[in-house]
Amino acid sequence: MKSPFQHRVNETNMTNTRGKMVLWRALAGAAVVLMALLGGSGAALAHDAVEGTAPADGSSVATVPEKVTVTLSNTPASIGSQINVVDASGTNWSAGTVEVLDNVATQQLKPGAPAGKYTVQWRLVSSDGHPIEGQFVFTAAAAAGAGSGAVAGPLQSVQEVSPAATAKTPDSGGVPWSVFGLVGVLVVVVVAMVVVAKRRLGADD
């Protein structure tokens, strides 16, 4: 027959074991919450991807188009965006500011643009607030003329901004405020779980 002292020791050991199990469950739950929050924030913080340009990069068109477009995966900001359409001599034929409709950024060209090779240098503000930039080229067989305003050339589908363009993209270099928010949420969740665990242990005593 066990003595009262041994009985209390056994109860204490069982209580400690239950307490450790509850705390481990609390930490495991907090880890799951953190992974879910970080996974969601990672997708939200990702820069927009370029889905296509018109004219297509490297394409040849009959005449200089009246406008060029860059299509992104999300709607860019019109403020701070810029698209330059430069001919072989270095002349910029862009007219006015960039127009944004849904996820398409459009740049009108000045009339009278000559035939030849053009380099379109674009810099757009991503939906996450960060600027992204890149360029594409096309060649026009004839100078700009009267037309319906449709964009000449096919639409090119691309997966992402070129590495060179990405390297030029400025970044604040700081930690996003959303990360601090996630850490704060995690701390609150852990503290709440520990408090609940302690209350359960107190109720078992």
N, C-alpha and C. Protein backbone atom coordinates (compact mmCIF):
# COMPACT_ATOMS: atom_id res chain seq x y z
N MET A 1 0.85 -1.21 0.00
CA MET A 1 0.00 0.00 0.00
C MET A 1 0.87 1.24 0.00
N LYS A 2 0.53 2.19 -0.87
CA LYS A 2 1.32 3.41 -1.00
C LYS A 2 1.05 4.34 0.17
N SER A 3 2.13 5.00 0.61
CA SER A 3 2.00 5.97 1.69
C SER A 3 1.37 7.25 1.17
N PRO A 4 0.81 8.09 2.06
CA PRO A 4 0.25 9.39 1.62
C PRO A 4 1.27 10.23 0.87
N PHE A 5 2.54 10.15 1.32
CA PHE A 5 3.59 10.95 0.66
C PHE A 5 3.78 10.50 -0.78
N GLN A 6 3.87 9.16 -0.98
CA GLN A 6 4.02 8.64 -2.34
C GLN A 6 2.82 8.99 -3.20
N HIS A 7 1.63 8.94 -2.58
CA HIS A 7 0.42 9.29 -3.32
C HIS A 7 0.46 10.73 -3.80
N ARG A 8 0.92 11.64 -2.95
CA ARG A 8 1.02 13.06 -3.35
C ARG A 8 2.07 13.25 -4.43
N VAL A 9 3.19 12.49 -4.31
CA VAL A 9 4.24 12.59 -5.34
C VAL A 9 3.72 12.15 -6.69
N ASN A 10 2.95 11.04 -6.68
CA ASN A 10 2.38 10.56 -7.93
C ASN A 10 1.40 11.56 -8.53
N GLU A 11 0.57 12.17 -7.70
CA GLU A 11 -0.37 13.17 -8.18
C GLU A 11 0.35 14.38 -8.76
N THR A 12 1.44 14.76 -8.06
CA THR A 12 2.23 15.91 -8.56
C THR A 12 2.84 15.60 -9.92
N ASN A 13 3.39 14.39 -10.05
CA ASN A 13 3.99 13.99 -11.32
C ASN A 13 2.94 13.96 -12.43
N MET A 14 1.77 13.44 -12.14
CA MET A 14 0.71 13.39 -13.14
C MET A 14 0.27 14.79 -13.53
N THR A 15 0.19 15.68 -12.53
CA THR A 15 -0.21 17.06 -12.81
C THR A 15 0.83 17.75 -13.69
N ASN A 16 2.13 17.54 -13.39
CA ASN A 16 3.19 18.14 -14.19
C ASN A 16 3.16 17.60 -15.62
N THR A 17 2.89 16.30 -15.73
CA THR A 17 2.83 15.70 -17.07
C THR A 17 1.68 16.30 -17.88
N ARG A 18 0.51 16.42 -17.23
CA ARG A 18 -0.62 17.03 -17.92
C ARG A 18 -0.32 18.48 -18.30
N GLY A 19 0.36 19.19 -17.39
CA GLY A 19 0.71 20.58 -17.68
C GLY A 19 1.64 20.70 -18.87
N LYS A 20 2.64 19.80 -18.94
CA LYS A 20 3.56 19.84 -20.08
C LYS A 20 2.84 19.54 -21.39
N MET A 21 1.92 18.59 -21.33
CA MET A 21 1.17 18.24 -22.54
C MET A 21 0.32 19.41 -23.01
N VAL A 22 -0.32 20.09 -22.07
CA VAL A 22 -1.16 21.24 -22.43
C VAL A 22 -0.31 22.35 -23.03
N LEU A 23 0.87 22.60 -22.41
CA LEU A 23 1.76 23.65 -22.92
C LEU A 23 2.28 23.31 -24.31
N TRP A 24 2.63 22.03 -24.52
CA TRP A 24 3.09 21.63 -25.84
C TRP A 24 2.00 21.80 -26.89
N ARG A 25 0.78 21.48 -26.51
CA ARG A 25 -0.34 21.67 -27.43
C ARG A 25 -0.53 23.15 -27.73
N ALA A 26 -0.35 23.98 -26.72
CA ALA A 26 -0.50 25.42 -26.92
C ALA A 26 0.56 25.94 -27.88
N LEU A 27 1.80 25.49 -27.70
CA LEU A 27 2.88 25.93 -28.58
C LEU A 27 2.67 25.41 -30.01
N ALA A 28 2.20 24.18 -30.13
CA ALA A 28 1.93 23.63 -31.46
C ALA A 28 0.83 24.42 -32.16
N GLY A 29 -0.21 24.77 -31.41
CA GLY A 29 -1.28 25.58 -31.99
C GLY A 29 -0.78 26.94 -32.43
N ALA A 30 0.10 27.54 -31.60
CA ALA A 30 0.66 28.85 -31.96
C ALA A 30 1.51 28.75 -33.22
N ALA A 31 2.26 27.64 -33.35
CA ALA A 31 3.08 27.46 -34.55
C ALA A 31 2.22 27.35 -35.80
N VAL A 32 1.10 26.64 -35.68
CA VAL A 32 0.18 26.51 -36.82
C VAL A 32 -0.38 27.87 -37.23
N VAL A 33 -0.76 28.66 -36.21
CA VAL A 33 -1.30 30.00 -36.49
C VAL A 33 -0.26 30.86 -37.17
N LEU A 34 1.00 30.80 -36.68
CA LEU A 34 2.07 31.61 -37.27
C LEU A 34 2.31 31.22 -38.73
N MET A 35 2.35 29.92 -39.01
CA MET A 35 2.57 29.48 -40.39
C MET A 35 1.46 29.94 -41.32
N ALA A 36 0.23 29.90 -40.83
CA ALA A 36 -0.89 30.35 -41.65
C ALA A 36 -0.81 31.85 -41.93
N LEU A 37 -0.46 32.62 -40.89
CA LEU A 37 -0.38 34.07 -41.06
C LEU A 37 0.77 34.44 -41.98
N LEU A 38 1.93 33.80 -41.81
CA LEU A 38 3.08 34.12 -42.65
C LEU A 38 2.82 33.70 -44.09
N GLY A 39 2.14 32.57 -44.28
CA GLY A 39 1.82 32.14 -45.64
C GLY A 39 0.92 33.13 -46.34
N GLY A 40 -0.09 33.65 -45.64
CA GLY A 40 -0.99 34.63 -46.24
C GLY A 40 -0.31 35.94 -46.52
N SER A 41 0.57 36.38 -45.58
CA SER A 41 1.25 37.66 -45.77
C SER A 41 2.26 37.59 -46.89
N GLY A 42 2.89 36.40 -47.07
CA GLY A 42 3.86 36.26 -48.15
C GLY A 42 3.23 36.46 -49.50
N ALA A 43 2.05 35.91 -49.67
CA ALA A 43 1.34 36.10 -50.94
C ALA A 43 0.92 37.54 -51.13
N ALA A 44 0.53 38.20 -50.05
CA ALA A 44 0.07 39.58 -50.14
C ALA A 44 1.21 40.53 -50.47
N LEU A 45 2.44 40.19 -49.98
CA LEU A 45 3.56 41.09 -50.15
C LEU A 45 4.28 40.88 -51.48
N ALA A 46 3.94 39.86 -52.22
CA ALA A 46 4.61 39.58 -53.48
C ALA A 46 4.32 40.68 -54.49
N HIS A 47 5.38 41.05 -55.26
CA HIS A 47 5.20 42.06 -56.29
C HIS A 47 4.31 41.52 -57.41
N ASP A 48 3.66 42.43 -58.13
CA ASP A 48 2.85 42.04 -59.27
C ASP A 48 3.75 41.51 -60.39
N ALA A 49 3.24 40.56 -61.14
CA ALA A 49 3.98 39.98 -62.27
C ALA A 49 3.47 40.56 -63.57
N VAL A 50 4.36 40.66 -64.56
CA VAL A 50 3.98 41.14 -65.89
C VAL A 50 3.39 39.98 -66.67
N GLU A 51 2.18 40.15 -67.16
CA GLU A 51 1.50 39.09 -67.91
C GLU A 51 1.64 39.25 -69.42
N GLY A 52 1.94 40.46 -69.87
CA GLY A 52 2.10 40.64 -71.30
C GLY A 52 2.37 42.08 -71.68
N THR A 53 2.84 42.28 -72.91
CA THR A 53 3.06 43.61 -73.46
C THR A 53 2.51 43.66 -74.86
N ALA A 54 2.20 44.84 -75.35
CA ALA A 54 1.76 45.03 -76.73
C ALA A 54 2.38 46.32 -77.25
N PRO A 55 3.15 46.23 -78.34
CA PRO A 55 3.52 45.03 -79.08
C PRO A 55 4.35 44.04 -78.24
N ALA A 56 4.46 42.82 -78.73
CA ALA A 56 5.23 41.81 -78.02
C ALA A 56 6.72 42.12 -78.12
N ASP A 57 7.45 41.69 -77.12
CA ASP A 57 8.90 41.92 -77.09
C ASP A 57 9.55 41.22 -78.28
N GLY A 58 10.34 42.00 -79.06
CA GLY A 58 11.05 41.45 -80.20
C GLY A 58 10.23 41.29 -81.46
N SER A 59 8.98 41.74 -81.43
CA SER A 59 8.11 41.56 -82.59
C SER A 59 8.31 42.67 -83.64
N SER A 60 7.81 42.41 -84.84
CA SER A 60 7.82 43.40 -85.92
C SER A 60 6.37 43.74 -86.26
N VAL A 61 6.09 45.03 -86.38
CA VAL A 61 4.73 45.47 -86.69
C VAL A 61 4.76 46.28 -87.98
N ALA A 62 3.59 46.42 -88.60
CA ALA A 62 3.51 47.10 -89.90
C ALA A 62 3.83 48.58 -89.76
N THR A 63 3.22 49.24 -88.77
CA THR A 63 3.45 50.66 -88.55
C THR A 63 3.67 50.92 -87.06
N VAL A 64 4.18 52.07 -86.76
CA VAL A 64 4.35 52.45 -85.36
C VAL A 64 2.96 52.56 -84.73
N PRO A 65 2.70 51.87 -83.63
CA PRO A 65 1.37 51.92 -83.02
C PRO A 65 1.09 53.28 -82.38
N GLU A 66 -0.17 53.58 -82.19
CA GLU A 66 -0.54 54.82 -81.53
C GLU A 66 -0.39 54.74 -80.02
N LYS A 67 -0.26 53.51 -79.49
CA LYS A 67 -0.09 53.32 -78.05
C LYS A 67 0.56 51.97 -77.79
N VAL A 68 1.19 51.86 -76.64
CA VAL A 68 1.76 50.60 -76.18
C VAL A 68 1.15 50.28 -74.82
N THR A 69 1.13 49.01 -74.45
CA THR A 69 0.54 48.62 -73.18
C THR A 69 1.42 47.62 -72.44
N VAL A 70 1.29 47.64 -71.11
CA VAL A 70 1.92 46.65 -70.24
C VAL A 70 0.81 46.11 -69.34
N THR A 71 0.64 44.79 -69.34
CA THR A 71 -0.40 44.16 -68.54
C THR A 71 0.21 43.46 -67.33
N LEU A 72 -0.29 43.79 -66.13
CA LEU A 72 0.21 43.18 -64.90
C LEU A 72 -0.82 42.22 -64.32
N SER A 73 -0.41 41.46 -63.33
CA SER A 73 -1.31 40.51 -62.68
C SER A 73 -2.32 41.20 -61.77
N ASN A 74 -2.03 42.44 -61.35
CA ASN A 74 -2.94 43.24 -60.55
C ASN A 74 -2.94 44.67 -61.07
N THR A 75 -3.85 45.47 -60.57
CA THR A 75 -3.96 46.86 -61.03
C THR A 75 -2.84 47.73 -60.47
N PRO A 76 -2.00 48.32 -61.30
CA PRO A 76 -0.94 49.20 -60.81
C PRO A 76 -1.49 50.59 -60.49
N ALA A 77 -0.69 51.39 -59.81
CA ALA A 77 -1.08 52.77 -59.52
C ALA A 77 -0.68 53.65 -60.70
N SER A 78 -1.53 54.60 -61.03
CA SER A 78 -1.21 55.50 -62.14
C SER A 78 -0.21 56.56 -61.71
N ILE A 79 -0.30 57.00 -60.44
CA ILE A 79 0.63 58.00 -59.93
C ILE A 79 2.00 57.37 -59.74
N GLY A 80 3.02 58.00 -60.31
CA GLY A 80 4.38 57.50 -60.19
C GLY A 80 4.78 56.53 -61.29
N SER A 81 3.85 56.17 -62.17
CA SER A 81 4.16 55.25 -63.26
C SER A 81 4.64 56.02 -64.48
N GLN A 82 5.53 55.40 -65.24
CA GLN A 82 6.10 56.07 -66.41
C GLN A 82 6.45 55.04 -67.47
N ILE A 83 6.14 55.37 -68.73
CA ILE A 83 6.50 54.53 -69.87
C ILE A 83 7.10 55.42 -70.95
N ASN A 84 8.34 55.14 -71.34
CA ASN A 84 9.02 55.87 -72.40
C ASN A 84 9.15 54.98 -73.63
N VAL A 85 8.80 55.53 -74.78
CA VAL A 85 8.92 54.80 -76.05
C VAL A 85 10.00 55.51 -76.87
N VAL A 86 11.18 54.92 -76.89
CA VAL A 86 12.37 55.59 -77.43
C VAL A 86 12.79 54.95 -78.75
N ASP A 87 13.04 55.81 -79.78
CA ASP A 87 13.47 55.28 -81.08
C ASP A 87 14.99 55.09 -81.09
N ALA A 88 15.52 54.67 -82.25
CA ALA A 88 16.94 54.37 -82.36
C ALA A 88 17.83 55.57 -82.13
N SER A 89 17.31 56.78 -82.37
CA SER A 89 18.11 57.99 -82.18
C SER A 89 18.06 58.49 -80.74
N GLY A 90 17.23 57.86 -79.90
CA GLY A 90 17.14 58.28 -78.50
C GLY A 90 15.99 59.23 -78.23
N THR A 91 15.15 59.49 -79.21
CA THR A 91 14.00 60.39 -79.03
C THR A 91 12.85 59.65 -78.35
N ASN A 92 12.29 60.27 -77.34
CA ASN A 92 11.16 59.68 -76.62
C ASN A 92 9.86 60.14 -77.28
N TRP A 93 9.04 59.20 -77.75
CA TRP A 93 7.81 59.53 -78.45
C TRP A 93 6.57 59.37 -77.57
N SER A 94 6.74 59.25 -76.29
CA SER A 94 5.60 59.15 -75.38
C SER A 94 4.86 60.47 -75.31
N ALA A 95 3.54 60.40 -75.29
CA ALA A 95 2.71 61.60 -75.23
C ALA A 95 1.80 61.52 -74.00
N GLY A 96 1.92 62.48 -73.10
CA GLY A 96 1.06 62.50 -71.93
C GLY A 96 1.51 61.52 -70.86
N THR A 97 0.61 61.23 -69.95
CA THR A 97 0.92 60.36 -68.82
C THR A 97 0.38 58.94 -69.04
N VAL A 98 0.81 58.05 -68.19
CA VAL A 98 0.35 56.66 -68.28
C VAL A 98 -1.11 56.57 -67.84
N GLU A 99 -1.92 55.87 -68.62
CA GLU A 99 -3.32 55.64 -68.28
C GLU A 99 -3.48 54.20 -67.78
N VAL A 100 -4.17 54.04 -66.66
CA VAL A 100 -4.35 52.71 -66.08
C VAL A 100 -5.84 52.36 -66.07
N LEU A 101 -6.16 51.22 -66.66
CA LEU A 101 -7.53 50.70 -66.65
C LEU A 101 -7.45 49.24 -66.25
N ASP A 102 -8.04 48.93 -65.10
CA ASP A 102 -7.92 47.58 -64.54
C ASP A 102 -6.43 47.26 -64.34
N ASN A 103 -5.95 46.19 -64.95
CA ASN A 103 -4.54 45.82 -64.76
C ASN A 103 -3.68 46.14 -65.98
N VAL A 104 -4.18 47.04 -66.85
CA VAL A 104 -3.46 47.40 -68.07
C VAL A 104 -3.01 48.85 -68.00
N ALA A 105 -1.69 49.07 -68.18
CA ALA A 105 -1.12 50.42 -68.23
C ALA A 105 -0.87 50.77 -69.69
N THR A 106 -1.40 51.92 -70.12
CA THR A 106 -1.33 52.33 -71.53
C THR A 106 -0.59 53.64 -71.68
N GLN A 107 0.29 53.71 -72.68
CA GLN A 107 1.02 54.94 -72.99
C GLN A 107 0.77 55.32 -74.45
N GLN A 108 0.21 56.52 -74.65
CA GLN A 108 -0.02 57.03 -76.00
C GLN A 108 1.31 57.52 -76.59
N LEU A 109 1.39 57.48 -77.94
CA LEU A 109 2.58 57.97 -78.64
C LEU A 109 2.25 59.24 -79.42
N LYS A 110 3.25 60.08 -79.61
CA LYS A 110 3.10 61.28 -80.41
C LYS A 110 2.95 60.90 -81.89
N PRO A 111 2.22 61.68 -82.65
CA PRO A 111 2.09 61.40 -84.09
C PRO A 111 3.42 61.66 -84.82
N GLY A 112 3.61 60.94 -85.92
CA GLY A 112 4.79 61.18 -86.75
C GLY A 112 6.01 60.37 -86.37
N ALA A 113 5.86 59.37 -85.51
CA ALA A 113 7.01 58.56 -85.12
C ALA A 113 7.54 57.80 -86.33
N PRO A 114 8.85 57.80 -86.56
CA PRO A 114 9.41 57.18 -87.76
C PRO A 114 9.47 55.65 -87.66
N ALA A 115 9.70 55.03 -88.79
CA ALA A 115 9.89 53.58 -88.81
C ALA A 115 11.22 53.25 -88.14
N GLY A 116 11.33 52.00 -87.71
CA GLY A 116 12.57 51.58 -87.09
C GLY A 116 12.35 50.83 -85.78
N LYS A 117 13.45 50.65 -85.05
CA LYS A 117 13.41 49.89 -83.80
C LYS A 117 13.10 50.81 -82.62
N TYR A 118 12.24 50.33 -81.72
CA TYR A 118 11.86 51.11 -80.54
C TYR A 118 12.11 50.29 -79.27
N THR A 119 12.51 51.00 -78.25
CA THR A 119 12.70 50.40 -76.92
C THR A 119 11.69 51.03 -75.97
N VAL A 120 10.86 50.21 -75.39
CA VAL A 120 9.85 50.69 -74.44
C VAL A 120 10.37 50.44 -73.02
N GLN A 121 10.65 51.53 -72.32
CA GLN A 121 11.16 51.45 -70.96
C GLN A 121 10.02 51.81 -70.00
N TRP A 122 9.60 50.84 -69.19
CA TRP A 122 8.45 51.08 -68.31
C TRP A 122 8.84 50.97 -66.84
N ARG A 123 8.18 51.77 -66.06
CA ARG A 123 8.36 51.77 -64.60
C ARG A 123 6.97 51.99 -63.99
N LEU A 124 6.44 50.97 -63.33
CA LEU A 124 5.09 51.02 -62.79
C LEU A 124 5.11 50.79 -61.28
N VAL A 125 4.12 51.32 -60.60
CA VAL A 125 3.99 51.13 -59.17
C VAL A 125 3.07 49.94 -58.93
N SER A 126 3.64 48.88 -58.37
CA SER A 126 2.90 47.66 -58.12
C SER A 126 1.77 47.90 -57.13
N SER A 127 0.79 47.00 -57.11
CA SER A 127 -0.35 47.15 -56.21
C SER A 127 0.07 47.08 -54.74
N ASP A 128 1.27 46.52 -54.46
CA ASP A 128 1.75 46.48 -53.08
C ASP A 128 2.52 47.74 -52.71
N GLY A 129 2.59 48.72 -53.64
CA GLY A 129 3.23 49.99 -53.36
C GLY A 129 4.68 50.06 -53.79
N HIS A 130 5.27 48.96 -54.22
CA HIS A 130 6.67 48.95 -54.65
C HIS A 130 6.77 49.16 -56.16
N PRO A 131 7.74 49.95 -56.62
CA PRO A 131 7.92 50.15 -58.06
C PRO A 131 8.60 48.94 -58.70
N ILE A 132 8.16 48.58 -59.89
CA ILE A 132 8.81 47.54 -60.68
C ILE A 132 9.07 48.14 -62.06
N GLU A 133 10.08 47.64 -62.74
CA GLU A 133 10.45 48.23 -64.03
C GLU A 133 11.04 47.18 -64.95
N GLY A 134 11.09 47.52 -66.22
CA GLY A 134 11.64 46.63 -67.23
C GLY A 134 11.57 47.29 -68.59
N GLN A 135 11.80 46.53 -69.64
CA GLN A 135 11.73 47.08 -70.99
C GLN A 135 11.45 45.97 -72.00
N PHE A 136 10.96 46.39 -73.16
CA PHE A 136 10.79 45.47 -74.28
C PHE A 136 11.00 46.26 -75.57
N VAL A 137 11.26 45.55 -76.67
CA VAL A 137 11.57 46.22 -77.94
C VAL A 137 10.64 45.69 -79.03
N PHE A 138 10.45 46.53 -80.04
CA PHE A 138 9.72 46.11 -81.24
C PHE A 138 10.24 46.95 -82.41
N THR A 139 9.97 46.48 -83.62
CA THR A 139 10.42 47.17 -84.82
C THR A 139 9.23 47.46 -85.72
N ALA A 140 9.12 48.71 -86.17
CA ALA A 140 8.02 49.14 -87.04
C ALA A 140 8.54 49.28 -88.47
N ALA A 141 7.84 48.67 -89.43
CA ALA A 141 8.27 48.73 -90.82
C ALA A 141 7.96 50.07 -91.46
N ALA A 142 6.95 50.77 -90.94
CA ALA A 142 6.57 52.06 -91.51
C ALA A 142 6.30 53.05 -90.38
N ALA A 143 6.34 54.33 -90.73
CA ALA A 143 6.10 55.38 -89.76
C ALA A 143 4.64 55.37 -89.32
N ALA A 144 4.38 56.08 -88.23
CA ALA A 144 3.02 56.15 -87.71
C ALA A 144 2.12 56.87 -88.70
N GLY A 145 0.89 56.38 -88.84
CA GLY A 145 -0.07 57.00 -89.74
C GLY A 145 -1.44 57.03 -89.10
N ALA A 146 -2.42 57.47 -89.83
CA ALA A 146 -3.78 57.50 -89.31
C ALA A 146 -4.27 56.08 -89.09
N GLY A 147 -4.97 55.86 -87.97
CA GLY A 147 -5.47 54.53 -87.67
C GLY A 147 -6.60 54.61 -86.66
N SER A 148 -7.07 53.44 -86.29
CA SER A 148 -8.21 53.39 -85.36
C SER A 148 -7.78 53.50 -83.91
N GLY A 149 -6.46 53.48 -83.67
CA GLY A 149 -5.99 53.59 -82.29
C GLY A 149 -5.73 52.25 -81.66
N ALA A 150 -5.92 51.15 -82.45
CA ALA A 150 -5.66 49.83 -81.87
C ALA A 150 -4.17 49.62 -81.74
N VAL A 151 -3.77 48.84 -80.79
CA VAL A 151 -2.36 48.54 -80.58
C VAL A 151 -1.92 47.55 -81.64
N ALA A 152 -0.80 47.85 -82.30
CA ALA A 152 -0.28 46.94 -83.31
C ALA A 152 0.55 45.86 -82.66
N GLY A 153 0.54 44.68 -83.29
CA GLY A 153 1.38 43.60 -82.78
C GLY A 153 0.63 42.72 -81.80
N PRO A 154 1.12 41.48 -81.65
CA PRO A 154 0.47 40.53 -80.75
C PRO A 154 0.78 40.82 -79.29
N LEU A 155 0.02 40.20 -78.44
CA LEU A 155 0.22 40.32 -77.01
C LEU A 155 1.14 39.20 -76.57
N GLN A 156 2.24 39.56 -75.89
CA GLN A 156 3.19 38.55 -75.45
C GLN A 156 2.94 38.21 -74.00
N SER A 157 2.83 36.93 -73.70
CA SER A 157 2.65 36.48 -72.33
C SER A 157 4.01 36.18 -71.73
N VAL A 158 4.26 36.68 -70.55
CA VAL A 158 5.50 36.45 -69.83
C VAL A 158 5.15 36.07 -68.41
N GLN A 159 6.08 35.45 -67.71
CA GLN A 159 5.83 35.00 -66.36
C GLN A 159 6.24 36.01 -65.31
N GLU A 160 7.30 36.74 -65.55
CA GLU A 160 7.79 37.66 -64.53
C GLU A 160 8.69 38.70 -65.14
N VAL A 161 9.07 39.69 -64.35
CA VAL A 161 9.98 40.73 -64.80
C VAL A 161 11.36 40.12 -64.98
N SER A 162 12.10 40.58 -65.98
CA SER A 162 13.43 40.03 -66.21
C SER A 162 14.32 40.28 -65.01
N PRO A 163 15.35 39.40 -64.78
CA PRO A 163 16.24 39.59 -63.63
C PRO A 163 16.91 40.95 -63.62
N ALA A 164 17.29 41.45 -64.80
CA ALA A 164 17.94 42.76 -64.85
C ALA A 164 17.01 43.85 -64.35
N ALA A 165 15.74 43.77 -64.76
CA ALA A 165 14.78 44.77 -64.31
C ALA A 165 14.53 44.66 -62.84
N THR A 166 14.47 43.43 -62.34
CA THR A 166 14.22 43.25 -60.91
C THR A 166 15.36 43.80 -60.09
N ALA A 167 16.60 43.66 -60.60
CA ALA A 167 17.75 44.15 -59.86
C ALA A 167 17.71 45.66 -59.70
N LYS A 168 17.08 46.36 -60.63
CA LYS A 168 17.00 47.81 -60.55
C LYS A 168 15.88 48.30 -59.64
N THR A 169 15.00 47.39 -59.28
CA THR A 169 13.84 47.79 -58.51
C THR A 169 14.25 48.24 -57.12
N PRO A 170 14.01 49.50 -56.75
CA PRO A 170 14.39 49.95 -55.42
C PRO A 170 13.49 49.35 -54.37
N ASP A 171 14.04 49.17 -53.19
CA ASP A 171 13.29 48.62 -52.09
C ASP A 171 13.66 49.37 -50.84
N SER A 172 12.72 49.47 -49.94
CA SER A 172 12.97 50.21 -48.71
C SER A 172 14.00 49.52 -47.85
N GLY A 173 14.14 48.18 -47.98
CA GLY A 173 15.11 47.45 -47.21
C GLY A 173 14.69 47.21 -45.78
N GLY A 174 13.61 47.78 -45.36
CA GLY A 174 13.15 47.61 -43.99
C GLY A 174 12.18 46.45 -43.87
N VAL A 175 11.84 46.13 -42.64
CA VAL A 175 10.90 45.06 -42.38
C VAL A 175 9.49 45.61 -42.54
N PRO A 176 8.65 44.96 -43.34
CA PRO A 176 7.27 45.45 -43.52
C PRO A 176 6.53 45.51 -42.20
N TRP A 177 5.66 46.51 -42.08
CA TRP A 177 4.89 46.66 -40.85
C TRP A 177 4.00 45.46 -40.60
N SER A 178 3.59 44.78 -41.67
CA SER A 178 2.72 43.62 -41.49
C SER A 178 3.41 42.51 -40.71
N VAL A 179 4.75 42.43 -40.83
CA VAL A 179 5.49 41.41 -40.07
C VAL A 179 5.39 41.68 -38.58
N PHE A 180 5.53 42.96 -38.19
CA PHE A 180 5.38 43.30 -36.78
C PHE A 180 3.98 42.97 -36.29
N GLY A 181 3.00 43.20 -37.15
CA GLY A 181 1.63 42.87 -36.77
C GLY A 181 1.45 41.38 -36.55
N LEU A 182 2.07 40.58 -37.42
CA LEU A 182 1.98 39.13 -37.27
C LEU A 182 2.64 38.65 -35.98
N VAL A 183 3.79 39.24 -35.68
CA VAL A 183 4.48 38.87 -34.44
C VAL A 183 3.62 39.22 -33.23
N GLY A 184 3.00 40.40 -33.28
CA GLY A 184 2.12 40.80 -32.17
C GLY A 184 0.96 39.85 -31.99
N VAL A 185 0.36 39.43 -33.12
CA VAL A 185 -0.75 38.48 -33.05
C VAL A 185 -0.29 37.16 -32.46
N LEU A 186 0.90 36.70 -32.87
CA LEU A 186 1.42 35.44 -32.36
C LEU A 186 1.66 35.51 -30.85
N VAL A 187 2.22 36.62 -30.39
CA VAL A 187 2.46 36.78 -28.94
C VAL A 187 1.15 36.71 -28.17
N VAL A 188 0.13 37.39 -28.67
CA VAL A 188 -1.17 37.37 -28.00
C VAL A 188 -1.73 35.95 -27.95
N VAL A 189 -1.60 35.21 -29.08
CA VAL A 189 -2.11 33.85 -29.12
C VAL A 189 -1.39 32.95 -28.13
N VAL A 190 -0.06 33.06 -28.06
CA VAL A 190 0.72 32.23 -27.14
C VAL A 190 0.37 32.54 -25.70
N VAL A 191 0.29 33.83 -25.38
CA VAL A 191 -0.05 34.22 -24.01
C VAL A 191 -1.43 33.70 -23.63
N ALA A 192 -2.38 33.81 -24.54
CA ALA A 192 -3.73 33.33 -24.26
C ALA A 192 -3.75 31.83 -24.02
N MET A 193 -3.00 31.09 -24.84
CA MET A 193 -2.95 29.64 -24.67
C MET A 193 -2.29 29.24 -23.36
N VAL A 194 -1.23 29.94 -22.98
CA VAL A 194 -0.56 29.65 -21.70
C VAL A 194 -1.48 29.93 -20.53
N VAL A 195 -2.22 31.04 -20.59
CA VAL A 195 -3.16 31.38 -19.52
C VAL A 195 -4.23 30.30 -19.39
N VAL A 196 -4.75 29.85 -20.54
CA VAL A 196 -5.77 28.80 -20.51
C VAL A 196 -5.19 27.52 -19.92
N ALA A 197 -3.95 27.20 -20.29
CA ALA A 197 -3.32 25.99 -19.76
C ALA A 197 -3.15 26.08 -18.24
N LYS A 198 -2.72 27.23 -17.75
CA LYS A 198 -2.54 27.40 -16.32
C LYS A 198 -3.88 27.29 -15.58
N ARG A 199 -4.92 27.83 -16.15
CA ARG A 199 -6.23 27.74 -15.51
C ARG A 199 -6.70 26.29 -15.43
N ARG A 200 -6.42 25.54 -16.50
CA ARG A 200 -6.80 24.13 -16.47
C ARG A 200 -6.04 23.37 -15.39
N LEU A 201 -4.75 23.69 -15.27
CA LEU A 201 -3.93 23.04 -14.25
C LEU A 201 -4.44 23.41 -12.85
N GLY A 202 -4.82 24.68 -12.67
CA GLY A 202 -5.34 25.11 -11.39
C GLY A 202 -6.64 24.42 -11.06
N ALA A 203 -7.45 24.19 -12.07
CA ALA A 203 -8.73 23.53 -11.83
C ALA A 203 -8.56 22.06 -11.48
N ASP A 204 -7.44 21.46 -11.98
CA ASP A 204 -7.19 20.05 -11.69
C ASP A 204 -6.62 19.81 -10.29
N ASP A 205 -6.03 20.88 -9.70
CA ASP A 205 -5.40 20.73 -8.38
C ASP A 205 -6.45 20.46 -7.31
